[in-house]
Each structure stands twice: as C-alpha cells, then as structure tokens.
PDB file of N, CA and C in Angstrom:
ATOM      1  N   UNK A   1     -17.283 -22.711 -14.148  1.00  0.00           N
ATOM      2  CA  UNK A   1     -16.866 -22.006 -13.952  1.00  0.00           C
ATOM      3  C   UNK A   1     -16.475 -23.383 -12.531  1.00  0.00           C
ATOM      4  N   UNK A   2     -16.374 -23.183 -11.468  1.00  0.00           N
ATOM      5  CA  UNK A   2     -15.425 -23.727 -10.132  1.00  0.00           C
ATOM      6  C   UNK A   2     -15.239 -23.369  -9.727  1.00  0.00           C
ATOM      7  N   UNK A   3     -16.016 -23.022  -8.441  1.00  0.00           N
ATOM      8  CA  UNK A   3     -14.976 -23.143  -6.901  1.00  0.00           C
ATOM      9  C   UNK A   3     -15.068 -24.467  -6.224  1.00  0.00           C
ATOM     10  N   UNK A   4     -13.252 -24.468  -6.194  1.00  0.00           N
ATOM     11  CA  UNK A   4     -12.481 -25.545  -5.721  1.00  0.00           C
ATOM     12  C   UNK A   4     -12.638 -24.881  -4.320  1.00  0.00           C
ATOM     13  N   UNK A   5     -12.314 -23.442  -4.025  1.00  0.00           N
ATOM     14  CA  UNK A   5     -12.498 -23.808  -2.345  1.00  0.00           C
ATOM     15  C   UNK A   5     -12.830 -22.161  -1.905  1.00  0.00           C
ATOM     16  N   UNK A   6     -12.960 -21.860  -0.787  1.00  0.00           N
ATOM     17  CA  UNK A   6     -14.340 -20.858  -0.754  1.00  0.00           C
ATOM     18  C   UNK A   6     -13.441 -19.322  -1.240  1.00  0.00           C
ATOM     19  N   UNK A   7     -12.036 -19.270  -1.773  1.00  0.00           N
ATOM     20  CA  UNK A   7     -11.491 -18.031  -2.449  1.00  0.00           C
ATOM     21  C   UNK A   7     -10.718 -18.346  -3.544  1.00  0.00           C
ATOM     22  N   UNK A   8     -11.150 -19.545  -4.291  1.00  0.00           N
ATOM     23  CA  UNK A   8     -10.581 -20.118  -5.537  1.00  0.00           C
ATOM     24  C   UNK A   8     -11.442 -20.037  -6.355  1.00  0.00           C
ATOM     25  N   UNK A   9     -11.262 -19.551  -7.606  1.00  0.00           N
ATOM     26  CA  UNK A   9     -12.032 -20.230  -9.021  1.00  0.00           C
ATOM     27  C   UNK A   9     -11.416 -20.259 -10.091  1.00  0.00           C
ATOM     28  N   UNK A  10     -11.802 -21.747 -10.427  1.00  0.00           N
ATOM     29  CA  UNK A  10     -11.220 -21.940 -12.050  1.00  0.00           C
ATOM     30  C   UNK A  10     -12.299 -21.794 -13.125  1.00  0.00           C
ATOM     31  N   UNK A  11     -11.467 -21.462 -13.605  1.00  0.00           N
ATOM     32  CA  UNK A  11     -12.416 -21.216 -15.002  1.00  0.00           C
ATOM     33  C   UNK A  11     -11.773 -20.951 -16.551  1.00  0.00           C
ATOM     34  N   UNK A  12     -12.037 -22.097 -17.823  1.00  0.00           N
ATOM     35  CA  UNK A  12     -11.371 -22.064 -18.951  1.00  0.00           C
ATOM     36  C   UNK A  12     -11.125 -21.130 -19.614  1.00  0.00           C
ATOM     37  N   UNK A  13     -10.350 -20.740 -20.183  1.00  0.00           N
ATOM     38  CA  UNK A  13     -10.443 -19.699 -21.975  1.00  0.00           C
ATOM     39  C   UNK A  13     -11.413 -20.047 -22.127  1.00  0.00           C
ATOM     40  N   UNK A  14     -12.035 -20.908 -22.502  1.00  0.00           N
ATOM     41  CA  UNK A  14     -13.384 -20.764 -23.068  1.00  0.00           C
ATOM     42  C   UNK A  14     -14.322 -20.293 -22.727  1.00  0.00           C
ATOM     43  N   UNK A  15     -14.752 -21.069 -21.759  1.00  0.00           N
ATOM     44  CA  UNK A  15     -15.947 -19.817 -20.574  1.00  0.00           C
ATOM     45  C   UNK A  15     -15.768 -17.703 -20.723  1.00  0.00           C
ATOM     46  N   UNK A  16     -13.897 -18.001 -20.045  1.00  0.00           N
ATOM     47  CA  UNK A  16     -13.673 -16.695 -19.851  1.00  0.00           C
ATOM     48  C   UNK A  16     -14.061 -16.247 -20.721  1.00  0.00           C
ATOM     49  N   UNK A  17     -14.013 -16.334 -21.875  1.00  0.00           N
ATOM     50  CA  UNK A  17     -13.693 -15.325 -23.546  1.00  0.00           C
ATOM     51  C   UNK A  17     -15.510 -15.547 -23.273  1.00  0.00           C
ATOM     52  N   UNK A  18     -16.450 -16.447 -22.832  1.00  0.00           N
ATOM     53  CA  UNK A  18     -17.962 -16.026 -22.324  1.00  0.00           C
ATOM     54  C   UNK A  18     -18.253 -15.967 -21.363  1.00  0.00           C
ATOM     55  N   UNK A  19     -17.657 -15.791 -20.757  1.00  0.00           N
ATOM     56  CA  UNK A  19     -18.503 -14.557 -20.033  1.00  0.00           C
ATOM     57  C   UNK A  19     -17.606 -13.706 -18.447  1.00  0.00           C
ATOM     58  N   UNK A  20     -16.554 -13.177 -19.471  1.00  0.00           N
ATOM     59  CA  UNK A  20     -15.824 -12.032 -19.049  1.00  0.00           C
ATOM     60  C   UNK A  20     -16.009 -11.327 -18.411  1.00  0.00           C
ATOM     61  N   UNK A  21     -17.085 -10.839 -17.918  1.00  0.00           N
ATOM     62  CA  UNK A  21     -17.836  -9.533 -17.474  1.00  0.00           C
ATOM     63  C   UNK A  21     -18.166 -10.434 -15.571  1.00  0.00           C
ATOM     64  N   UNK A  22     -18.767 -11.267 -15.636  1.00  0.00           N
ATOM     65  CA  UNK A  22     -19.647 -12.172 -14.664  1.00  0.00           C
ATOM     66  C   UNK A  22     -17.834 -12.677 -14.307  1.00  0.00           C
ATOM     67  N   UNK A  23     -16.899 -12.940 -14.519  1.00  0.00           N
ATOM     68  CA  UNK A  23     -15.766 -13.859 -14.220  1.00  0.00           C
ATOM     69  C   UNK A  23     -15.276 -12.771 -13.430  1.00  0.00           C
ATOM     70  N   UNK A  24     -15.291 -11.378 -14.121  1.00  0.00           N
ATOM     71  CA  UNK A  24     -14.278  -9.652 -13.791  1.00  0.00           C
ATOM     72  C   UNK A  24     -14.814  -9.902 -12.190  1.00  0.00           C
ATOM     73  N   UNK A  25     -15.379  -9.434 -12.195  1.00  0.00           N
ATOM     74  CA  UNK A  25     -16.350  -9.618 -10.767  1.00  0.00           C
ATOM     75  C   UNK A  25     -16.080 -10.533  -9.874  1.00  0.00           C
ATOM     76  N   UNK A  26     -16.222 -12.089  -9.658  1.00  0.00           N
ATOM     77  CA  UNK A  26     -15.631 -13.112  -9.260  1.00  0.00           C
ATOM     78  C   UNK A  26     -13.895 -13.020  -8.580  1.00  0.00           C
ATOM     79  N   UNK A  27     -13.871 -12.473  -9.628  1.00  0.00           N
ATOM     80  CA  UNK A  27     -12.092 -11.779  -8.952  1.00  0.00           C
ATOM     81  C   UNK A  27     -11.408 -10.910  -8.319  1.00  0.00           C
ATOM     82  N   UNK A  28     -12.607  -9.320  -8.230  1.00  0.00           N
ATOM     83  CA  UNK A  28     -12.988  -8.624  -6.872  1.00  0.00           C
ATOM     84  C   UNK A  28     -13.040  -9.176  -6.274  1.00  0.00           C
ATOM     85  N   UNK A  29     -14.019  -9.989  -5.820  1.00  0.00           N
ATOM     86  CA  UNK A  29     -13.715 -11.018  -4.158  1.00  0.00           C
ATOM     87  C   UNK A  29     -12.509 -12.144  -4.015  1.00  0.00           C
ATOM     88  N   UNK A  30     -12.432 -13.077  -5.061  1.00  0.00           N
ATOM     89  CA  UNK A  30     -11.021 -13.960  -5.147  1.00  0.00           C
ATOM     90  C   UNK A  30     -11.015 -13.998  -6.283  1.00  0.00           C
ATOM     91  N   UNK A  31      -9.391 -14.794  -5.576  1.00  0.00           N
ATOM     92  CA  UNK A  31      -8.596 -15.642  -7.222  1.00  0.00           C
ATOM     93  C   UNK A  31      -9.396 -16.480  -8.012  1.00  0.00           C
ATOM     94  N   UNK A  32      -9.436 -16.019  -9.488  1.00  0.00           N
ATOM     95  CA  UNK A  32      -9.273 -16.971 -10.534  1.00  0.00           C
ATOM     96  C   UNK A  32      -8.355 -17.290 -10.951  1.00  0.00           C
ATOM     97  N   UNK A  33      -8.248 -18.727 -10.970  1.00  0.00           N
ATOM     98  CA  UNK A  33      -7.927 -19.096 -12.179  1.00  0.00           C
ATOM     99  C   UNK A  33      -7.997 -20.091 -13.482  1.00  0.00           C
ATOM    100  N   UNK A  34      -7.243 -19.245 -14.758  1.00  0.00           N
ATOM    101  CA  UNK A  34      -7.956 -18.927 -15.593  1.00  0.00           C
ATOM    102  C   UNK A  34      -7.040 -20.727 -16.362  1.00  0.00           C
ATOM    103  N   UNK A  35      -7.424 -21.686 -16.211  1.00  0.00           N
ATOM    104  CA  UNK A  35      -7.138 -22.808 -17.937  1.00  0.00           C
ATOM    105  C   UNK A  35      -7.761 -22.653 -18.897  1.00  0.00           C
ATOM    106  N   UNK A  36      -5.765 -23.719 -19.546  1.00  0.00           N
ATOM    107  CA  UNK A  36      -6.654 -23.807 -20.897  1.00  0.00           C
ATOM    108  C   UNK A  36      -5.873 -25.359 -20.699  1.00  0.00           C
ATOM    109  N   UNK A  37      -6.813 -26.348 -21.435  1.00  0.00           N
ATOM    110  CA  UNK A  37      -6.505 -27.387 -21.444  1.00  0.00           C
ATOM    111  C   UNK A  37      -6.525 -28.355 -20.491  1.00  0.00           C
ATOM    112  N   UNK A  38      -7.097 -27.922 -19.010  1.00  0.00           N
ATOM    113  CA  UNK A  38      -6.882 -28.470 -17.609  1.00  0.00           C
ATOM    114  C   UNK A  38      -5.790 -28.734 -17.010  1.00  0.00           C
ATOM    115  N   UNK A  39      -4.333 -27.180 -17.803  1.00  0.00           N
ATOM    116  CA  UNK A  39      -3.943 -26.689 -16.845  1.00  0.00           C
ATOM    117  C   UNK A  39      -3.504 -25.149 -16.543  1.00  0.00           C
ATOM    118  N   UNK A  40      -3.319 -24.559 -15.505  1.00  0.00           N
ATOM    119  CA  UNK A  40      -3.501 -23.385 -15.158  1.00  0.00           C
ATOM    120  C   UNK A  40      -2.442 -23.148 -15.705  1.00  0.00           C
ATOM    121  N   UNK A  41      -3.029 -22.116 -16.032  1.00  0.00           N
ATOM    122  CA  UNK A  41      -1.996 -20.505 -17.352  1.00  0.00           C
ATOM    123  C   UNK A  41      -1.986 -19.522 -16.666  1.00  0.00           C
ATOM    124  N   UNK A  42      -3.169 -18.821 -15.961  1.00  0.00           N
ATOM    125  CA  UNK A  42      -3.090 -17.451 -15.109  1.00  0.00           C
ATOM    126  C   UNK A  42      -4.012 -17.326 -14.532  1.00  0.00           C
ATOM    127  N   UNK A  43      -3.639 -16.962 -13.626  1.00  0.00           N
ATOM    128  CA  UNK A  43      -4.328 -15.504 -12.644  1.00  0.00           C
ATOM    129  C   UNK A  43      -5.332 -14.402 -12.492  1.00  0.00           C
ATOM    130  N   UNK A  44      -5.804 -14.218 -12.315  1.00  0.00           N
ATOM    131  CA  UNK A  44      -6.859 -13.143 -11.758  1.00  0.00           C
ATOM    132  C   UNK A  44      -7.340 -12.568 -10.363  1.00  0.00           C
ATOM    133  N   UNK A  45      -7.011 -11.717  -9.935  1.00  0.00           N
ATOM    134  CA  UNK A  45      -6.780 -10.893  -8.555  1.00  0.00           C
ATOM    135  C   UNK A  45      -7.684  -9.334  -8.394  1.00  0.00           C
ATOM    136  N   UNK A  46      -7.473  -8.866  -7.597  1.00  0.00           N
ATOM    137  CA  UNK A  46      -8.707  -8.100  -7.742  1.00  0.00           C
ATOM    138  C   UNK A  46      -7.041  -7.318  -7.810  1.00  0.00           C
ATOM    139  N   UNK A  47      -7.690  -6.273  -8.338  1.00  0.00           N
ATOM    140  CA  UNK A  47      -6.082  -4.842  -8.988  1.00  0.00           C
ATOM    141  C   UNK A  47      -5.911  -4.229  -7.187  1.00  0.00           C
ATOM    142  N   UNK A  48      -6.436  -4.293  -5.976  1.00  0.00           N
ATOM    143  CA  UNK A  48      -5.889  -4.037  -4.714  1.00  0.00           C
ATOM    144  C   UNK A  48      -5.228  -5.269  -3.746  1.00  0.00           C
ATOM    145  N   UNK A  49      -5.394  -5.989  -4.831  1.00  0.00           N
ATOM    146  CA  UNK A  49      -4.759  -6.871  -3.669  1.00  0.00           C
ATOM    147  C   UNK A  49      -3.594  -6.878  -4.446  1.00  0.00           C
ATOM    148  N   UNK A  50      -2.977  -6.909  -6.031  1.00  0.00           N
ATOM    149  CA  UNK A  50      -2.212  -7.023  -6.879  1.00  0.00           C
ATOM    150  C   UNK A  50      -0.898  -6.149  -5.982  1.00  0.00           C
ATOM    151  N   UNK A  51      -1.898  -4.573  -5.911  1.00  0.00           N
ATOM    152  CA  UNK A  51      -1.661  -3.680  -5.488  1.00  0.00           C
ATOM    153  C   UNK A  51      -0.784  -3.562  -3.528  1.00  0.00           C
ATOM    154  N   UNK A  52      -0.738  -4.656  -3.345  1.00  0.00           N
ATOM    155  CA  UNK A  52      -0.848  -4.950  -1.827  1.00  0.00           C
ATOM    156  C   UNK A  52       0.608  -6.049  -2.043  1.00  0.00           C
ATOM    157  N   UNK A  53       0.289  -7.098  -2.430  1.00  0.00           N
ATOM    158  CA  UNK A  53       0.951  -7.856  -2.904  1.00  0.00           C
ATOM    159  C   UNK A  53       2.560  -6.970  -3.555  1.00  0.00           C
ATOM    160  N   UNK A  54       2.176  -6.743  -4.502  1.00  0.00           N
ATOM    161  CA  UNK A  54       3.474  -5.326  -5.019  1.00  0.00           C
ATOM    162  C   UNK A  54       4.828  -4.794  -4.384  1.00  0.00           C
ATOM    163  N   UNK A  55       3.620  -4.483  -3.071  1.00  0.00           N
ATOM    164  CA  UNK A  55       3.617  -3.445  -2.208  1.00  0.00           C
ATOM    165  C   UNK A  55       4.329  -4.067  -0.887  1.00  0.00           C
ATOM    166  N   UNK A  56       4.476  -5.758  -0.879  1.00  0.00           N
ATOM    167  CA  UNK A  56       4.847  -6.518   0.386  1.00  0.00           C
ATOM    168  C   UNK A  56       6.673  -7.273  -0.806  1.00  0.00           C
ATOM    169  N   UNK A  57       5.571  -6.883  -1.629  1.00  0.00           N
ATOM    170  CA  UNK A  57       7.563  -8.435  -2.451  1.00  0.00           C
ATOM    171  C   UNK A  57       8.599  -6.502  -2.080  1.00  0.00           C
ATOM    172  N   UNK A  58       8.103  -5.033  -2.274  1.00  0.00           N
ATOM    173  CA  UNK A  58       9.066  -3.857  -2.426  1.00  0.00           C
ATOM    174  C   UNK A  58      10.127  -3.962  -0.451  1.00  0.00           C
ATOM    175  N   UNK A  59       8.858  -3.907  -0.528  1.00  0.00           N
ATOM    176  CA  UNK A  59       9.298  -4.381   0.913  1.00  0.00           C
ATOM    177  C   UNK A  59      10.395  -4.688   1.893  1.00  0.00           C
ATOM    178  N   UNK A  60      10.165  -6.663   1.687  1.00  0.00           N
ATOM    179  CA  UNK A  60      11.221  -7.250   1.273  1.00  0.00           C
ATOM    180  C   UNK A  60      12.350  -6.618   0.729  1.00  0.00           C
ATOM    181  N   UNK A  61      12.161  -6.852  -0.821  1.00  0.00           N
ATOM    182  CA  UNK A  61      13.441  -6.716  -1.046  1.00  0.00           C
ATOM    183  C   UNK A  61      14.566  -5.445  -0.234  1.00  0.00           C
ATOM    184  N   UNK A  62      13.127  -4.477   0.163  1.00  0.00           N
ATOM    185  CA  UNK A  62      13.945  -3.213   1.177  1.00  0.00           C
ATOM    186  C   UNK A  62      14.960  -3.962   1.928  1.00  0.00           C
ATOM    187  N   UNK A  63      14.369  -4.945   2.690  1.00  0.00           N
ATOM    188  CA  UNK A  63      15.141  -5.598   4.181  1.00  0.00           C
ATOM    189  C   UNK A  63      16.158  -6.345   3.386  1.00  0.00           C
ATOM    190  N   UNK A  64      15.952  -7.097   2.377  1.00  0.00           N
ATOM    191  CA  UNK A  64      16.973  -8.129   1.878  1.00  0.00           C
ATOM    192  C   UNK A  64      18.573  -7.249   1.510  1.00  0.00           C
ATOM    193  N   UNK A  65      18.578  -6.166   1.141  1.00  0.00           N
ATOM    194  CA  UNK A  65      19.336  -5.018   0.554  1.00  0.00           C
ATOM    195  C   UNK A  65      19.355  -4.565   1.454  1.00  0.00           C
ATOM    196  N   UNK A  66      18.996  -4.315   2.239  1.00  0.00           N
ATOM    197  CA  UNK A  66      20.124  -2.999   3.991  1.00  0.00           C
ATOM    198  C   UNK A  66      21.111  -4.347   4.386  1.00  0.00           C
ATOM    199  N   UNK A  67      20.187  -5.971   4.890  1.00  0.00           N
ATOM    200  CA  UNK A  67      20.486  -6.815   5.003  1.00  0.00           C
ATOM    201  C   UNK A  67      21.973  -7.272   4.555  1.00  0.00           C
ATOM    202  N   UNK A  68      22.239  -7.441   3.140  1.00  0.00           N
ATOM    203  CA  UNK A  68      23.081  -7.291   1.919  1.00  0.00           C
ATOM    204  C   UNK A  68      24.190  -6.168   2.704  1.00  0.00           C
ATOM    205  N   UNK A  69      23.511  -5.021   2.836  1.00  0.00           N
ATOM    206  CA  UNK A  69      24.479  -3.784   2.432  1.00  0.00           C
ATOM    207  C   UNK A  69      25.187  -4.125   3.829  1.00  0.00           C
ATOM    208  N   UNK A  70      24.594  -4.088   5.221  1.00  0.00           N
ATOM    209  CA  UNK A  70      24.744  -4.671   6.162  1.00  0.00           C
ATOM    210  C   UNK A  70      26.324  -5.434   6.655  1.00  0.00           C
ATOM    211  N   UNK A  71      25.704  -6.411   5.647  1.00  0.00           N
ATOM    212  CA  UNK A  71      26.864  -7.489   5.673  1.00  0.00           C
ATOM    213  C   UNK A  71      28.216  -7.346   5.400  1.00  0.00           C
ATOM    214  N   UNK A  72      28.142  -6.398   4.081  1.00  0.00           N
ATOM    215  CA  UNK A  72      29.395  -6.349   3.028  1.00  0.00           C
ATOM    216  C   UNK A  72      30.213  -4.777   4.419  1.00  0.00           C
ATOM    217  N   UNK A  73      29.155  -3.983   5.120  1.00  0.00           N
ATOM    218  CA  UNK A  73      30.357  -3.377   5.293  1.00  0.00           C
ATOM    219  C   UNK A  73      31.141  -3.893   7.090  1.00  0.00           C
ATOM    220  N   UNK A  74      30.487  -4.436   7.528  1.00  0.00           N
ATOM    221  CA  UNK A  74      31.046  -5.508   8.188  1.00  0.00           C
ATOM    222  C   UNK A  74      32.417  -6.260   7.986  1.00  0.00           C
ATOM    223  N   UNK A  75      32.293  -6.834   6.679  1.00  0.00           N
ATOM    224  CA  UNK A  75      33.186  -7.400   5.735  1.00  0.00           C
ATOM    225  C   UNK A  75      34.075  -6.302   5.312  1.00  0.00           C
ATOM    226  N   UNK A  76      34.072  -5.717   4.840  1.00  0.00           N
ATOM    227  CA  UNK A  76      34.991  -4.162   4.251  1.00  0.00           C
ATOM    228  C   UNK A  76      36.178  -3.399   5.636  1.00  0.00           C
ATOM    229  N   UNK A  77      35.208  -3.221   7.055  1.00  0.00           N
ATOM    230  CA  UNK A  77      35.339  -2.497   7.855  1.00  0.00           C
ATOM    231  C   UNK A  77      37.090  -2.319   7.483  1.00  0.00           C
ATOM    232  N   UNK A  78      37.248  -3.111   7.819  1.00  0.00           N
ATOM    233  CA  UNK A  78      38.757  -3.237   8.053  1.00  0.00           C
ATOM    234  C   UNK A  78      39.441  -3.258   6.971  1.00  0.00           C
ATOM    235  N   UNK A  79      38.930  -3.241   5.713  1.00  0.00           N
ATOM    236  CA  UNK A  79      39.353  -3.007   3.906  1.00  0.00           C
ATOM    237  C   UNK A  79      39.856  -1.587   4.015  1.00  0.00           C
ATOM    238  N   UNK A  80      41.130  -0.743   2.986  1.00  0.00           N
ATOM    239  CA  UNK A  80      41.446   0.283   2.950  1.00  0.00           C
ATOM    240  C   UNK A  80      40.864   0.494   1.390  1.00  0.00           C
ATOM    241  N   UNK A  81      40.142   1.593   1.237  1.00  0.00           N
ATOM    242  CA  UNK A  81      39.832   1.540   0.098  1.00  0.00           C
ATOM    243  C   UNK A  81      40.678   2.908  -0.772  1.00  0.00           C
ATOM    244  N   UNK A  82      40.661   2.738  -1.984  1.00  0.00           N
ATOM    245  CA  UNK A  82      41.637   3.939  -2.632  1.00  0.00           C
ATOM    246  C   UNK A  82      41.622   4.495  -4.044  1.00  0.00           C
ATOM    247  N   UNK A  83      41.496   6.139  -3.803  1.00  0.00           N
ATOM    248  CA  UNK A  83      40.534   6.682  -4.475  1.00  0.00           C
ATOM    249  C   UNK A  83      40.585   6.168  -6.135  1.00  0.00           C
ATOM    250  N   UNK A  84      39.068   6.836  -6.881  1.00  0.00           N
ATOM    251  CA  UNK A  84      39.135   6.412  -8.178  1.00  0.00           C
ATOM    252  C   UNK A  84      40.390   6.451  -9.056  1.00  0.00           C
ATOM    253  N   UNK A  85      41.245   7.744  -9.281  1.00  0.00           N
ATOM    254  CA  UNK A  85      42.529   8.033  -9.394  1.00  0.00           C
ATOM    255  C   UNK A  85      43.603   6.939  -9.564  1.00  0.00           C
ATOM    256  N   UNK A  86      43.110   6.809  -8.975  1.00  0.00           N
ATOM    257  CA  UNK A  86      45.160   5.877  -8.447  1.00  0.00           C
ATOM    258  C   UNK A  86      44.503   3.986  -8.611  1.00  0.00           C
ATOM    259  N   UNK A  87      43.093   4.252  -9.441  1.00  0.00           N
ATOM    260  CA  UNK A  87      42.241   3.010  -9.033  1.00  0.00           C
ATOM    261  C   UNK A  87      42.073   2.666 -10.593  1.00  0.00           C
ATOM    262  N   UNK A  88      42.406   4.205 -11.997  1.00  0.00           N
ATOM    263  CA  UNK A  88      42.190   5.085 -12.546  1.00  0.00           C
ATOM    264  C   UNK A  88      43.827   3.900 -13.694  1.00  0.00           C
ATOM    265  N   UNK A  89      44.869   4.492 -12.966  1.00  0.00           N
ATOM    266  CA  UNK A  89      46.387   4.390 -13.291  1.00  0.00           C
ATOM    267  C   UNK A  89      46.239   3.328 -13.365  1.00  0.00           C
ATOM    268  N   UNK A  90      45.875   2.139 -12.480  1.00  0.00           N
ATOM    269  CA  UNK A  90      46.998   0.799 -11.364  1.00  0.00           C
ATOM    270  C   UNK A  90      45.459  -0.244 -13.463  1.00  0.00           C
ATOM    271  N   UNK A  91      44.577   0.315 -13.657  1.00  0.00           N
ATOM    272  CA  UNK A  91      44.613  -0.423 -14.635  1.00  0.00           C
ATOM    273  C   UNK A  91      44.640   0.485 -16.854  1.00  0.00           C
ATOM    274  N   UNK A  92      45.062   1.296 -16.532  1.00  0.00           N
ATOM    275  CA  UNK A  92      45.365   2.161 -18.209  1.00  0.00           C
ATOM    276  C   UNK A  92      47.110   1.302 -17.246  1.00  0.00           C
TER     277      UNK A  92
END
C-alpha cells in the first residue's frame, strides 16, 4: 500500500485480498485506488463521499434538464400544437 498524496492510496489486487479490513479503514478517510498489473482498475471511497457525489450529480442533471426545458420553451413559444386526436388521424 502506497500513499501517493495525502488523500490517495494505491493498493494492488493481491494486497487487497490479504489486507481488506485495513484497506477498508483507509477508504473511510481518503480514496483508495486499486491496481491490477500496475494499472488502476477501481476506486474505493467512503459511502458518505459516494452519496454526496451522487447527490451532486443529480442536482447537476436537474439543472441541465431545467435549462434544456427553458430553451425548448423559447423555441416552441411561437409554434402551434395540434391535439393528439388530429395527430393520430394524420398518421393513419
């Protein structure tokens, strides 16, 4: 196990197998990058950090969807919509 930054530790897969409890404790304090054959394959982080990241992603997605909806409203404000029944008749 190597600490490459104050908040990041590198761990090989074989070491992960042998020292899982210690590595899980490390993951509670900072991210742990798991390597296989000297290539990063996964990252372990504390569940609180993961949940915060998920919440942030959800908020960003909501903001983007709101922006897209606003743009569509601006574009379509001059267009006339037809009732669904009329659309079905045109398709048939």
